[in-house]
Amino acid sequence: MLGGPPPVELPIEAGIFFGFRVGGLGFLVSADIYCEVIEQVQVNPLPNTQAWFGGLFNLRGNLIPVIDLHRLLGEAIADPKKRRLFTIDKGEKAVALWIDGLPEVHGLAREPLQQFPSLPAVLQPHVPWGYLYQGQTWLNVRFGEFFSALGRQIPLG
């Protein structure tokens, strides 16, 4: 019989992640998903849409929808000069988010959260796990299903 502590069970999605902040929340995106930081681009607003829908911009021939998570989640903008557009996925699946600053790389060798902080209702069903690191809560969001749910809220025509 071997001694020592029992093995730590990490989430199924354990691996390398891109982490970015929006207000007081930290978000994680698997490094397996194509992501890109976009600067100095014209975002074109669309009339008669939700306040959190920032509009569209052209990225290499694809119209990319822009979501302002600050407005959607009721988070304050830390420093407007440091905001960046962060695209998740590519082609017709791509969506851009306004984020605070540049993303950072996270490796998951940390303890998953046992209890989540209070999350906005729109986000809750799409967050399977998270962890605490240096006082910051980081949430793994199933962004594909989250974006699909938001897309059903945008009035068309």
Foldseek 3Di string as FASTA:
>chain_A
DDDDDDDDDDDPLAFKWWWFADAQAIETDDPVWDKDWDPDFDFDCDPPWDPQFRHWTADPNATATEGEVCVVFVHDAPDVVQWIWMWTHDDNQIHTYTTGHGIDMDGPPADKDPDDDDGPPLQVVFFPTWHADPNGIYTYGPVSVSVVVVVVRTDDD
